Structure formats: C-alpha cells, structure tokens
PDBML (XML) file of the C-alpha atoms, coordinates in Angstrom:
<?xml version="1.0" encoding="UTF-8" ?>
<PDBx:datablock datablockName="MODEL"
   xmlns:PDBx="http://pdbml.pdb.org/schema/pdbx-v50.xsd"
   xmlns:xsi="http://www.w3.org/2001/XMLSchema-instance"
   xsi:schemaLocation="http://pdbml.pdb.org/schema/pdbx-v50.xsd pdbx-v50.xsd">
   <PDBx:atom_siteCategory>
      <PDBx:atom_site id="1">
         <PDBx:B_iso_or_equiv>0.00</PDBx:B_iso_or_equiv>
         <PDBx:Cartn_x>0.000</PDBx:Cartn_x>
         <PDBx:Cartn_y>0.000</PDBx:Cartn_y>
         <PDBx:Cartn_z>0.000</PDBx:Cartn_z>
         <PDBx:auth_asym_id>A</PDBx:auth_asym_id>
         <PDBx:auth_atom_id>CA</PDBx:auth_atom_id>
         <PDBx:auth_comp_id>GLY</PDBx:auth_comp_id>
         <PDBx:auth_seq_id>1</PDBx:auth_seq_id>
         <PDBx:group_PDB>ATOM</PDBx:group_PDB>
         <PDBx:label_alt_id xsi:nil="true" />
         <PDBx:label_asym_id>A</PDBx:label_asym_id>
         <PDBx:label_atom_id>CA</PDBx:label_atom_id>
         <PDBx:label_comp_id>GLY</PDBx:label_comp_id>
         <PDBx:label_entity_id>1</PDBx:label_entity_id>
         <PDBx:label_seq_id>1</PDBx:label_seq_id>
         <PDBx:occupancy>1.00</PDBx:occupancy>
         <PDBx:pdbx_PDB_model_num>1</PDBx:pdbx_PDB_model_num>
         <PDBx:type_symbol>C</PDBx:type_symbol>
      </PDBx:atom_site>
      <PDBx:atom_site id="2">
         <PDBx:B_iso_or_equiv>0.00</PDBx:B_iso_or_equiv>
         <PDBx:Cartn_x>3.024</PDBx:Cartn_x>
         <PDBx:Cartn_y>2.297</PDBx:Cartn_y>
         <PDBx:Cartn_z>-0.063</PDBx:Cartn_z>
         <PDBx:auth_asym_id>A</PDBx:auth_asym_id>
         <PDBx:auth_atom_id>CA</PDBx:auth_atom_id>
         <PDBx:auth_comp_id>ILE</PDBx:auth_comp_id>
         <PDBx:auth_seq_id>2</PDBx:auth_seq_id>
         <PDBx:group_PDB>ATOM</PDBx:group_PDB>
         <PDBx:label_alt_id xsi:nil="true" />
         <PDBx:label_asym_id>A</PDBx:label_asym_id>
         <PDBx:label_atom_id>CA</PDBx:label_atom_id>
         <PDBx:label_comp_id>ILE</PDBx:label_comp_id>
         <PDBx:label_entity_id>1</PDBx:label_entity_id>
         <PDBx:label_seq_id>2</PDBx:label_seq_id>
         <PDBx:occupancy>1.00</PDBx:occupancy>
         <PDBx:pdbx_PDB_model_num>1</PDBx:pdbx_PDB_model_num>
         <PDBx:type_symbol>C</PDBx:type_symbol>
      </PDBx:atom_site>
      <PDBx:atom_site id="3">
         <PDBx:B_iso_or_equiv>0.00</PDBx:B_iso_or_equiv>
         <PDBx:Cartn_x>2.882</PDBx:Cartn_x>
         <PDBx:Cartn_y>4.559</PDBx:Cartn_y>
         <PDBx:Cartn_z>-3.141</PDBx:Cartn_z>
         <PDBx:auth_asym_id>A</PDBx:auth_asym_id>
         <PDBx:auth_atom_id>CA</PDBx:auth_atom_id>
         <PDBx:auth_comp_id>PRO</PDBx:auth_comp_id>
         <PDBx:auth_seq_id>3</PDBx:auth_seq_id>
         <PDBx:group_PDB>ATOM</PDBx:group_PDB>
         <PDBx:label_alt_id xsi:nil="true" />
         <PDBx:label_asym_id>A</PDBx:label_asym_id>
         <PDBx:label_atom_id>CA</PDBx:label_atom_id>
         <PDBx:label_comp_id>PRO</PDBx:label_comp_id>
         <PDBx:label_entity_id>1</PDBx:label_entity_id>
         <PDBx:label_seq_id>3</PDBx:label_seq_id>
         <PDBx:occupancy>1.00</PDBx:occupancy>
         <PDBx:pdbx_PDB_model_num>1</PDBx:pdbx_PDB_model_num>
         <PDBx:type_symbol>C</PDBx:type_symbol>
      </PDBx:atom_site>
      <PDBx:atom_site id="4">
         <PDBx:B_iso_or_equiv>0.00</PDBx:B_iso_or_equiv>
         <PDBx:Cartn_x>5.040</PDBx:Cartn_x>
         <PDBx:Cartn_y>3.600</PDBx:Cartn_y>
         <PDBx:Cartn_z>-6.102</PDBx:Cartn_z>
         <PDBx:auth_asym_id>A</PDBx:auth_asym_id>
         <PDBx:auth_atom_id>CA</PDBx:auth_atom_id>
         <PDBx:auth_comp_id>TYR</PDBx:auth_comp_id>
         <PDBx:auth_seq_id>4</PDBx:auth_seq_id>
         <PDBx:group_PDB>ATOM</PDBx:group_PDB>
         <PDBx:label_alt_id xsi:nil="true" />
         <PDBx:label_asym_id>A</PDBx:label_asym_id>
         <PDBx:label_atom_id>CA</PDBx:label_atom_id>
         <PDBx:label_comp_id>TYR</PDBx:label_comp_id>
         <PDBx:label_entity_id>1</PDBx:label_entity_id>
         <PDBx:label_seq_id>4</PDBx:label_seq_id>
         <PDBx:occupancy>1.00</PDBx:occupancy>
         <PDBx:pdbx_PDB_model_num>1</PDBx:pdbx_PDB_model_num>
         <PDBx:type_symbol>C</PDBx:type_symbol>
      </PDBx:atom_site>
      <PDBx:atom_site id="5">
         <PDBx:B_iso_or_equiv>0.00</PDBx:B_iso_or_equiv>
         <PDBx:Cartn_x>7.294</PDBx:Cartn_x>
         <PDBx:Cartn_y>6.299</PDBx:Cartn_y>
         <PDBx:Cartn_z>-7.517</PDBx:Cartn_z>
         <PDBx:auth_asym_id>A</PDBx:auth_asym_id>
         <PDBx:auth_atom_id>CA</PDBx:auth_atom_id>
         <PDBx:auth_comp_id>GLY</PDBx:auth_comp_id>
         <PDBx:auth_seq_id>5</PDBx:auth_seq_id>
         <PDBx:group_PDB>ATOM</PDBx:group_PDB>
         <PDBx:label_alt_id xsi:nil="true" />
         <PDBx:label_asym_id>A</PDBx:label_asym_id>
         <PDBx:label_atom_id>CA</PDBx:label_atom_id>
         <PDBx:label_comp_id>GLY</PDBx:label_comp_id>
         <PDBx:label_entity_id>1</PDBx:label_entity_id>
         <PDBx:label_seq_id>5</PDBx:label_seq_id>
         <PDBx:occupancy>1.00</PDBx:occupancy>
         <PDBx:pdbx_PDB_model_num>1</PDBx:pdbx_PDB_model_num>
         <PDBx:type_symbol>C</PDBx:type_symbol>
      </PDBx:atom_site>
      <PDBx:atom_site id="6">
         <PDBx:B_iso_or_equiv>0.00</PDBx:B_iso_or_equiv>
         <PDBx:Cartn_x>9.836</PDBx:Cartn_x>
         <PDBx:Cartn_y>6.804</PDBx:Cartn_y>
         <PDBx:Cartn_z>-10.262</PDBx:Cartn_z>
         <PDBx:auth_asym_id>A</PDBx:auth_asym_id>
         <PDBx:auth_atom_id>CA</PDBx:auth_atom_id>
         <PDBx:auth_comp_id>ILE</PDBx:auth_comp_id>
         <PDBx:auth_seq_id>6</PDBx:auth_seq_id>
         <PDBx:group_PDB>ATOM</PDBx:group_PDB>
         <PDBx:label_alt_id xsi:nil="true" />
         <PDBx:label_asym_id>A</PDBx:label_asym_id>
         <PDBx:label_atom_id>CA</PDBx:label_atom_id>
         <PDBx:label_comp_id>ILE</PDBx:label_comp_id>
         <PDBx:label_entity_id>1</PDBx:label_entity_id>
         <PDBx:label_seq_id>6</PDBx:label_seq_id>
         <PDBx:occupancy>1.00</PDBx:occupancy>
         <PDBx:pdbx_PDB_model_num>1</PDBx:pdbx_PDB_model_num>
         <PDBx:type_symbol>C</PDBx:type_symbol>
      </PDBx:atom_site>
      <PDBx:atom_site id="7">
         <PDBx:B_iso_or_equiv>0.00</PDBx:B_iso_or_equiv>
         <PDBx:Cartn_x>13.081</PDBx:Cartn_x>
         <PDBx:Cartn_y>7.099</PDBx:Cartn_y>
         <PDBx:Cartn_z>-8.356</PDBx:Cartn_z>
         <PDBx:auth_asym_id>A</PDBx:auth_asym_id>
         <PDBx:auth_atom_id>CA</PDBx:auth_atom_id>
         <PDBx:auth_comp_id>GLY</PDBx:auth_comp_id>
         <PDBx:auth_seq_id>7</PDBx:auth_seq_id>
         <PDBx:group_PDB>ATOM</PDBx:group_PDB>
         <PDBx:label_alt_id xsi:nil="true" />
         <PDBx:label_asym_id>A</PDBx:label_asym_id>
         <PDBx:label_atom_id>CA</PDBx:label_atom_id>
         <PDBx:label_comp_id>GLY</PDBx:label_comp_id>
         <PDBx:label_entity_id>1</PDBx:label_entity_id>
         <PDBx:label_seq_id>7</PDBx:label_seq_id>
         <PDBx:occupancy>1.00</PDBx:occupancy>
         <PDBx:pdbx_PDB_model_num>1</PDBx:pdbx_PDB_model_num>
         <PDBx:type_symbol>C</PDBx:type_symbol>
      </PDBx:atom_site>
      <PDBx:atom_site id="8">
         <PDBx:B_iso_or_equiv>0.00</PDBx:B_iso_or_equiv>
         <PDBx:Cartn_x>15.604</PDBx:Cartn_x>
         <PDBx:Cartn_y>7.111</PDBx:Cartn_y>
         <PDBx:Cartn_z>-11.196</PDBx:Cartn_z>
         <PDBx:auth_asym_id>A</PDBx:auth_asym_id>
         <PDBx:auth_atom_id>CA</PDBx:auth_atom_id>
         <PDBx:auth_comp_id>PHE</PDBx:auth_comp_id>
         <PDBx:auth_seq_id>8</PDBx:auth_seq_id>
         <PDBx:group_PDB>ATOM</PDBx:group_PDB>
         <PDBx:label_alt_id xsi:nil="true" />
         <PDBx:label_asym_id>A</PDBx:label_asym_id>
         <PDBx:label_atom_id>CA</PDBx:label_atom_id>
         <PDBx:label_comp_id>PHE</PDBx:label_comp_id>
         <PDBx:label_entity_id>1</PDBx:label_entity_id>
         <PDBx:label_seq_id>8</PDBx:label_seq_id>
         <PDBx:occupancy>1.00</PDBx:occupancy>
         <PDBx:pdbx_PDB_model_num>1</PDBx:pdbx_PDB_model_num>
         <PDBx:type_symbol>C</PDBx:type_symbol>
      </PDBx:atom_site>
      <PDBx:atom_site id="9">
         <PDBx:B_iso_or_equiv>0.00</PDBx:B_iso_or_equiv>
         <PDBx:Cartn_x>15.777</PDBx:Cartn_x>
         <PDBx:Cartn_y>8.400</PDBx:Cartn_y>
         <PDBx:Cartn_z>-14.729</PDBx:Cartn_z>
         <PDBx:auth_asym_id>A</PDBx:auth_asym_id>
         <PDBx:auth_atom_id>CA</PDBx:auth_atom_id>
         <PDBx:auth_comp_id>ILE</PDBx:auth_comp_id>
         <PDBx:auth_seq_id>9</PDBx:auth_seq_id>
         <PDBx:group_PDB>ATOM</PDBx:group_PDB>
         <PDBx:label_alt_id xsi:nil="true" />
         <PDBx:label_asym_id>A</PDBx:label_asym_id>
         <PDBx:label_atom_id>CA</PDBx:label_atom_id>
         <PDBx:label_comp_id>ILE</PDBx:label_comp_id>
         <PDBx:label_entity_id>1</PDBx:label_entity_id>
         <PDBx:label_seq_id>9</PDBx:label_seq_id>
         <PDBx:occupancy>1.00</PDBx:occupancy>
         <PDBx:pdbx_PDB_model_num>1</PDBx:pdbx_PDB_model_num>
         <PDBx:type_symbol>C</PDBx:type_symbol>
      </PDBx:atom_site>
      <PDBx:atom_site id="10">
         <PDBx:B_iso_or_equiv>0.00</PDBx:B_iso_or_equiv>
         <PDBx:Cartn_x>17.786</PDBx:Cartn_x>
         <PDBx:Cartn_y>6.013</PDBx:Cartn_y>
         <PDBx:Cartn_z>-16.856</PDBx:Cartn_z>
         <PDBx:auth_asym_id>A</PDBx:auth_asym_id>
         <PDBx:auth_atom_id>CA</PDBx:auth_atom_id>
         <PDBx:auth_comp_id>LYS</PDBx:auth_comp_id>
         <PDBx:auth_seq_id>10</PDBx:auth_seq_id>
         <PDBx:group_PDB>ATOM</PDBx:group_PDB>
         <PDBx:label_alt_id xsi:nil="true" />
         <PDBx:label_asym_id>A</PDBx:label_asym_id>
         <PDBx:label_atom_id>CA</PDBx:label_atom_id>
         <PDBx:label_comp_id>LYS</PDBx:label_comp_id>
         <PDBx:label_entity_id>1</PDBx:label_entity_id>
         <PDBx:label_seq_id>10</PDBx:label_seq_id>
         <PDBx:occupancy>1.00</PDBx:occupancy>
         <PDBx:pdbx_PDB_model_num>1</PDBx:pdbx_PDB_model_num>
         <PDBx:type_symbol>C</PDBx:type_symbol>
      </PDBx:atom_site>
      <PDBx:atom_site id="11">
         <PDBx:B_iso_or_equiv>0.00</PDBx:B_iso_or_equiv>
         <PDBx:Cartn_x>19.994</PDBx:Cartn_x>
         <PDBx:Cartn_y>7.097</PDBx:Cartn_y>
         <PDBx:Cartn_z>-19.731</PDBx:Cartn_z>
         <PDBx:auth_asym_id>A</PDBx:auth_asym_id>
         <PDBx:auth_atom_id>CA</PDBx:auth_atom_id>
         <PDBx:auth_comp_id>ASN</PDBx:auth_comp_id>
         <PDBx:auth_seq_id>11</PDBx:auth_seq_id>
         <PDBx:group_PDB>ATOM</PDBx:group_PDB>
         <PDBx:label_alt_id xsi:nil="true" />
         <PDBx:label_asym_id>A</PDBx:label_asym_id>
         <PDBx:label_atom_id>CA</PDBx:label_atom_id>
         <PDBx:label_comp_id>ASN</PDBx:label_comp_id>
         <PDBx:label_entity_id>1</PDBx:label_entity_id>
         <PDBx:label_seq_id>11</PDBx:label_seq_id>
         <PDBx:occupancy>1.00</PDBx:occupancy>
         <PDBx:pdbx_PDB_model_num>1</PDBx:pdbx_PDB_model_num>
         <PDBx:type_symbol>C</PDBx:type_symbol>
      </PDBx:atom_site>
      <PDBx:atom_site id="12">
         <PDBx:B_iso_or_equiv>0.00</PDBx:B_iso_or_equiv>
         <PDBx:Cartn_x>18.646</PDBx:Cartn_x>
         <PDBx:Cartn_y>4.968</PDBx:Cartn_y>
         <PDBx:Cartn_z>-22.572</PDBx:Cartn_z>
         <PDBx:auth_asym_id>A</PDBx:auth_asym_id>
         <PDBx:auth_atom_id>CA</PDBx:auth_atom_id>
         <PDBx:auth_comp_id>LYS</PDBx:auth_comp_id>
         <PDBx:auth_seq_id>12</PDBx:auth_seq_id>
         <PDBx:group_PDB>ATOM</PDBx:group_PDB>
         <PDBx:label_alt_id xsi:nil="true" />
         <PDBx:label_asym_id>A</PDBx:label_asym_id>
         <PDBx:label_atom_id>CA</PDBx:label_atom_id>
         <PDBx:label_comp_id>LYS</PDBx:label_comp_id>
         <PDBx:label_entity_id>1</PDBx:label_entity_id>
         <PDBx:label_seq_id>12</PDBx:label_seq_id>
         <PDBx:occupancy>1.00</PDBx:occupancy>
         <PDBx:pdbx_PDB_model_num>1</PDBx:pdbx_PDB_model_num>
         <PDBx:type_symbol>C</PDBx:type_symbol>
      </PDBx:atom_site>
      <PDBx:atom_site id="13">
         <PDBx:B_iso_or_equiv>0.00</PDBx:B_iso_or_equiv>
         <PDBx:Cartn_x>21.833</PDBx:Cartn_x>
         <PDBx:Cartn_y>5.293</PDBx:Cartn_y>
         <PDBx:Cartn_z>-24.585</PDBx:Cartn_z>
         <PDBx:auth_asym_id>A</PDBx:auth_asym_id>
         <PDBx:auth_atom_id>CA</PDBx:auth_atom_id>
         <PDBx:auth_comp_id>TYR</PDBx:auth_comp_id>
         <PDBx:auth_seq_id>13</PDBx:auth_seq_id>
         <PDBx:group_PDB>ATOM</PDBx:group_PDB>
         <PDBx:label_alt_id xsi:nil="true" />
         <PDBx:label_asym_id>A</PDBx:label_asym_id>
         <PDBx:label_atom_id>CA</PDBx:label_atom_id>
         <PDBx:label_comp_id>TYR</PDBx:label_comp_id>
         <PDBx:label_entity_id>1</PDBx:label_entity_id>
         <PDBx:label_seq_id>13</PDBx:label_seq_id>
         <PDBx:occupancy>1.00</PDBx:occupancy>
         <PDBx:pdbx_PDB_model_num>1</PDBx:pdbx_PDB_model_num>
         <PDBx:type_symbol>C</PDBx:type_symbol>
      </PDBx:atom_site>
      <PDBx:atom_site id="14">
         <PDBx:B_iso_or_equiv>0.00</PDBx:B_iso_or_equiv>
         <PDBx:Cartn_x>24.186</PDBx:Cartn_x>
         <PDBx:Cartn_y>3.414</PDBx:Cartn_y>
         <PDBx:Cartn_z>-22.306</PDBx:Cartn_z>
         <PDBx:auth_asym_id>A</PDBx:auth_asym_id>
         <PDBx:auth_atom_id>CA</PDBx:auth_atom_id>
         <PDBx:auth_comp_id>ILE</PDBx:auth_comp_id>
         <PDBx:auth_seq_id>14</PDBx:auth_seq_id>
         <PDBx:group_PDB>ATOM</PDBx:group_PDB>
         <PDBx:label_alt_id xsi:nil="true" />
         <PDBx:label_asym_id>A</PDBx:label_asym_id>
         <PDBx:label_atom_id>CA</PDBx:label_atom_id>
         <PDBx:label_comp_id>ILE</PDBx:label_comp_id>
         <PDBx:label_entity_id>1</PDBx:label_entity_id>
         <PDBx:label_seq_id>14</PDBx:label_seq_id>
         <PDBx:occupancy>1.00</PDBx:occupancy>
         <PDBx:pdbx_PDB_model_num>1</PDBx:pdbx_PDB_model_num>
         <PDBx:type_symbol>C</PDBx:type_symbol>
      </PDBx:atom_site>
      <PDBx:atom_site id="15">
         <PDBx:B_iso_or_equiv>0.00</PDBx:B_iso_or_equiv>
         <PDBx:Cartn_x>24.358</PDBx:Cartn_x>
         <PDBx:Cartn_y>-0.344</PDBx:Cartn_y>
         <PDBx:Cartn_z>-21.784</PDBx:Cartn_z>
         <PDBx:auth_asym_id>A</PDBx:auth_asym_id>
         <PDBx:auth_atom_id>CA</PDBx:auth_atom_id>
         <PDBx:auth_comp_id>GLY</PDBx:auth_comp_id>
         <PDBx:auth_seq_id>15</PDBx:auth_seq_id>
         <PDBx:group_PDB>ATOM</PDBx:group_PDB>
         <PDBx:label_alt_id xsi:nil="true" />
         <PDBx:label_asym_id>A</PDBx:label_asym_id>
         <PDBx:label_atom_id>CA</PDBx:label_atom_id>
         <PDBx:label_comp_id>GLY</PDBx:label_comp_id>
         <PDBx:label_entity_id>1</PDBx:label_entity_id>
         <PDBx:label_seq_id>15</PDBx:label_seq_id>
         <PDBx:occupancy>1.00</PDBx:occupancy>
         <PDBx:pdbx_PDB_model_num>1</PDBx:pdbx_PDB_model_num>
         <PDBx:type_symbol>C</PDBx:type_symbol>
      </PDBx:atom_site>
      <PDBx:atom_site id="16">
         <PDBx:B_iso_or_equiv>0.00</PDBx:B_iso_or_equiv>
         <PDBx:Cartn_x>24.007</PDBx:Cartn_x>
         <PDBx:Cartn_y>-2.133</PDBx:Cartn_y>
         <PDBx:Cartn_z>-18.484</PDBx:Cartn_z>
         <PDBx:auth_asym_id>A</PDBx:auth_asym_id>
         <PDBx:auth_atom_id>CA</PDBx:auth_atom_id>
         <PDBx:auth_comp_id>ARG</PDBx:auth_comp_id>
         <PDBx:auth_seq_id>16</PDBx:auth_seq_id>
         <PDBx:group_PDB>ATOM</PDBx:group_PDB>
         <PDBx:label_alt_id xsi:nil="true" />
         <PDBx:label_asym_id>A</PDBx:label_asym_id>
         <PDBx:label_atom_id>CA</PDBx:label_atom_id>
         <PDBx:label_comp_id>ARG</PDBx:label_comp_id>
         <PDBx:label_entity_id>1</PDBx:label_entity_id>
         <PDBx:label_seq_id>16</PDBx:label_seq_id>
         <PDBx:occupancy>1.00</PDBx:occupancy>
         <PDBx:pdbx_PDB_model_num>1</PDBx:pdbx_PDB_model_num>
         <PDBx:type_symbol>C</PDBx:type_symbol>
      </PDBx:atom_site>
      <PDBx:atom_site id="17">
         <PDBx:B_iso_or_equiv>0.00</PDBx:B_iso_or_equiv>
         <PDBx:Cartn_x>26.706</PDBx:Cartn_x>
         <PDBx:Cartn_y>-1.049</PDBx:Cartn_y>
         <PDBx:Cartn_z>-16.049</PDBx:Cartn_z>
         <PDBx:auth_asym_id>A</PDBx:auth_asym_id>
         <PDBx:auth_atom_id>CA</PDBx:auth_atom_id>
         <PDBx:auth_comp_id>THR</PDBx:auth_comp_id>
         <PDBx:auth_seq_id>17</PDBx:auth_seq_id>
         <PDBx:group_PDB>ATOM</PDBx:group_PDB>
         <PDBx:label_alt_id xsi:nil="true" />
         <PDBx:label_asym_id>A</PDBx:label_asym_id>
         <PDBx:label_atom_id>CA</PDBx:label_atom_id>
         <PDBx:label_comp_id>THR</PDBx:label_comp_id>
         <PDBx:label_entity_id>1</PDBx:label_entity_id>
         <PDBx:label_seq_id>17</PDBx:label_seq_id>
         <PDBx:occupancy>1.00</PDBx:occupancy>
         <PDBx:pdbx_PDB_model_num>1</PDBx:pdbx_PDB_model_num>
         <PDBx:type_symbol>C</PDBx:type_symbol>
      </PDBx:atom_site>
      <PDBx:atom_site id="18">
         <PDBx:B_iso_or_equiv>0.00</PDBx:B_iso_or_equiv>
         <PDBx:Cartn_x>28.547</PDBx:Cartn_x>
         <PDBx:Cartn_y>-4.337</PDBx:Cartn_y>
         <PDBx:Cartn_z>-15.885</PDBx:Cartn_z>
         <PDBx:auth_asym_id>A</PDBx:auth_asym_id>
         <PDBx:auth_atom_id>CA</PDBx:auth_atom_id>
         <PDBx:auth_comp_id>PHE</PDBx:auth_comp_id>
         <PDBx:auth_seq_id>18</PDBx:auth_seq_id>
         <PDBx:group_PDB>ATOM</PDBx:group_PDB>
         <PDBx:label_alt_id xsi:nil="true" />
         <PDBx:label_asym_id>A</PDBx:label_asym_id>
         <PDBx:label_atom_id>CA</PDBx:label_atom_id>
         <PDBx:label_comp_id>PHE</PDBx:label_comp_id>
         <PDBx:label_entity_id>1</PDBx:label_entity_id>
         <PDBx:label_seq_id>18</PDBx:label_seq_id>
         <PDBx:occupancy>1.00</PDBx:occupancy>
         <PDBx:pdbx_PDB_model_num>1</PDBx:pdbx_PDB_model_num>
         <PDBx:type_symbol>C</PDBx:type_symbol>
      </PDBx:atom_site>
      <PDBx:atom_site id="19">
         <PDBx:B_iso_or_equiv>0.00</PDBx:B_iso_or_equiv>
         <PDBx:Cartn_x>29.192</PDBx:Cartn_x>
         <PDBx:Cartn_y>-4.348</PDBx:Cartn_y>
         <PDBx:Cartn_z>-19.637</PDBx:Cartn_z>
         <PDBx:auth_asym_id>A</PDBx:auth_asym_id>
         <PDBx:auth_atom_id>CA</PDBx:auth_atom_id>
         <PDBx:auth_comp_id>ILE</PDBx:auth_comp_id>
         <PDBx:auth_seq_id>19</PDBx:auth_seq_id>
         <PDBx:group_PDB>ATOM</PDBx:group_PDB>
         <PDBx:label_alt_id xsi:nil="true" />
         <PDBx:label_asym_id>A</PDBx:label_asym_id>
         <PDBx:label_atom_id>CA</PDBx:label_atom_id>
         <PDBx:label_comp_id>ILE</PDBx:label_comp_id>
         <PDBx:label_entity_id>1</PDBx:label_entity_id>
         <PDBx:label_seq_id>19</PDBx:label_seq_id>
         <PDBx:occupancy>1.00</PDBx:occupancy>
         <PDBx:pdbx_PDB_model_num>1</PDBx:pdbx_PDB_model_num>
         <PDBx:type_symbol>C</PDBx:type_symbol>
      </PDBx:atom_site>
      <PDBx:atom_site id="20">
         <PDBx:B_iso_or_equiv>0.00</PDBx:B_iso_or_equiv>
         <PDBx:Cartn_x>31.939</PDBx:Cartn_x>
         <PDBx:Cartn_y>-1.750</PDBx:Cartn_y>
         <PDBx:Cartn_z>-19.050</PDBx:Cartn_z>
         <PDBx:auth_asym_id>A</PDBx:auth_asym_id>
         <PDBx:auth_atom_id>CA</PDBx:auth_atom_id>
         <PDBx:auth_comp_id>SER</PDBx:auth_comp_id>
         <PDBx:auth_seq_id>20</PDBx:auth_seq_id>
         <PDBx:group_PDB>ATOM</PDBx:group_PDB>
         <PDBx:label_alt_id xsi:nil="true" />
         <PDBx:label_asym_id>A</PDBx:label_asym_id>
         <PDBx:label_atom_id>CA</PDBx:label_atom_id>
         <PDBx:label_comp_id>SER</PDBx:label_comp_id>
         <PDBx:label_entity_id>1</PDBx:label_entity_id>
         <PDBx:label_seq_id>20</PDBx:label_seq_id>
         <PDBx:occupancy>1.00</PDBx:occupancy>
         <PDBx:pdbx_PDB_model_num>1</PDBx:pdbx_PDB_model_num>
         <PDBx:type_symbol>C</PDBx:type_symbol>
      </PDBx:atom_site>
      <PDBx:atom_site id="21">
         <PDBx:B_iso_or_equiv>0.00</PDBx:B_iso_or_equiv>
         <PDBx:Cartn_x>35.302</PDBx:Cartn_x>
         <PDBx:Cartn_y>-3.505</PDBx:Cartn_y>
         <PDBx:Cartn_z>-19.232</PDBx:Cartn_z>
         <PDBx:auth_asym_id>A</PDBx:auth_asym_id>
         <PDBx:auth_atom_id>CA</PDBx:auth_atom_id>
         <PDBx:auth_comp_id>PRO</PDBx:auth_comp_id>
         <PDBx:auth_seq_id>21</PDBx:auth_seq_id>
         <PDBx:group_PDB>ATOM</PDBx:group_PDB>
         <PDBx:label_alt_id xsi:nil="true" />
         <PDBx:label_asym_id>A</PDBx:label_asym_id>
         <PDBx:label_atom_id>CA</PDBx:label_atom_id>
         <PDBx:label_comp_id>PRO</PDBx:label_comp_id>
         <PDBx:label_entity_id>1</PDBx:label_entity_id>
         <PDBx:label_seq_id>21</PDBx:label_seq_id>
         <PDBx:occupancy>1.00</PDBx:occupancy>
         <PDBx:pdbx_PDB_model_num>1</PDBx:pdbx_PDB_model_num>
         <PDBx:type_symbol>C</PDBx:type_symbol>
      </PDBx:atom_site>
      <PDBx:atom_site id="22">
         <PDBx:B_iso_or_equiv>0.00</PDBx:B_iso_or_equiv>
         <PDBx:Cartn_x>36.908</PDBx:Cartn_x>
         <PDBx:Cartn_y>-2.015</PDBx:Cartn_y>
         <PDBx:Cartn_z>-16.136</PDBx:Cartn_z>
         <PDBx:auth_asym_id>A</PDBx:auth_asym_id>
         <PDBx:auth_atom_id>CA</PDBx:auth_atom_id>
         <PDBx:auth_comp_id>SER</PDBx:auth_comp_id>
         <PDBx:auth_seq_id>22</PDBx:auth_seq_id>
         <PDBx:group_PDB>ATOM</PDBx:group_PDB>
         <PDBx:label_alt_id xsi:nil="true" />
         <PDBx:label_asym_id>A</PDBx:label_asym_id>
         <PDBx:label_atom_id>CA</PDBx:label_atom_id>
         <PDBx:label_comp_id>SER</PDBx:label_comp_id>
         <PDBx:label_entity_id>1</PDBx:label_entity_id>
         <PDBx:label_seq_id>22</PDBx:label_seq_id>
         <PDBx:occupancy>1.00</PDBx:occupancy>
         <PDBx:pdbx_PDB_model_num>1</PDBx:pdbx_PDB_model_num>
         <PDBx:type_symbol>C</PDBx:type_symbol>
      </PDBx:atom_site>
      <PDBx:atom_site id="23">
         <PDBx:B_iso_or_equiv>0.00</PDBx:B_iso_or_equiv>
         <PDBx:Cartn_x>35.819</PDBx:Cartn_x>
         <PDBx:Cartn_y>-1.373</PDBx:Cartn_y>
         <PDBx:Cartn_z>-12.567</PDBx:Cartn_z>
         <PDBx:auth_asym_id>A</PDBx:auth_asym_id>
         <PDBx:auth_atom_id>CA</PDBx:auth_atom_id>
         <PDBx:auth_comp_id>GLN</PDBx:auth_comp_id>
         <PDBx:auth_seq_id>23</PDBx:auth_seq_id>
         <PDBx:group_PDB>ATOM</PDBx:group_PDB>
         <PDBx:label_alt_id xsi:nil="true" />
         <PDBx:label_asym_id>A</PDBx:label_asym_id>
         <PDBx:label_atom_id>CA</PDBx:label_atom_id>
         <PDBx:label_comp_id>GLN</PDBx:label_comp_id>
         <PDBx:label_entity_id>1</PDBx:label_entity_id>
         <PDBx:label_seq_id>23</PDBx:label_seq_id>
         <PDBx:occupancy>1.00</PDBx:occupancy>
         <PDBx:pdbx_PDB_model_num>1</PDBx:pdbx_PDB_model_num>
         <PDBx:type_symbol>C</PDBx:type_symbol>
      </PDBx:atom_site>
      <PDBx:atom_site id="24">
         <PDBx:B_iso_or_equiv>0.00</PDBx:B_iso_or_equiv>
         <PDBx:Cartn_x>36.689</PDBx:Cartn_x>
         <PDBx:Cartn_y>2.315</PDBx:Cartn_y>
         <PDBx:Cartn_z>-12.987</PDBx:Cartn_z>
         <PDBx:auth_asym_id>A</PDBx:auth_asym_id>
         <PDBx:auth_atom_id>CA</PDBx:auth_atom_id>
         <PDBx:auth_comp_id>ARG</PDBx:auth_comp_id>
         <PDBx:auth_seq_id>24</PDBx:auth_seq_id>
         <PDBx:group_PDB>ATOM</PDBx:group_PDB>
         <PDBx:label_alt_id xsi:nil="true" />
         <PDBx:label_asym_id>A</PDBx:label_asym_id>
         <PDBx:label_atom_id>CA</PDBx:label_atom_id>
         <PDBx:label_comp_id>ARG</PDBx:label_comp_id>
         <PDBx:label_entity_id>1</PDBx:label_entity_id>
         <PDBx:label_seq_id>24</PDBx:label_seq_id>
         <PDBx:occupancy>1.00</PDBx:occupancy>
         <PDBx:pdbx_PDB_model_num>1</PDBx:pdbx_PDB_model_num>
         <PDBx:type_symbol>C</PDBx:type_symbol>
      </PDBx:atom_site>
   </PDBx:atom_siteCategory>
</PDBx:datablock>
C-alpha cells in the first residue's frame, strides 16, 4: 500500500553497467 514512484531516470543510450570492461 506504499505509493510507487519513479526514483531514477535512466539514460537509454548506455548499456548495463557491468558491460563496461573495467571497474573504474
């Protein structure tokens, strides 16, 4: 019963974070 909200705006032009080859 807690309201649902949009908490993040996602950049649609970047892949999932883990696809990046280095931790940096």
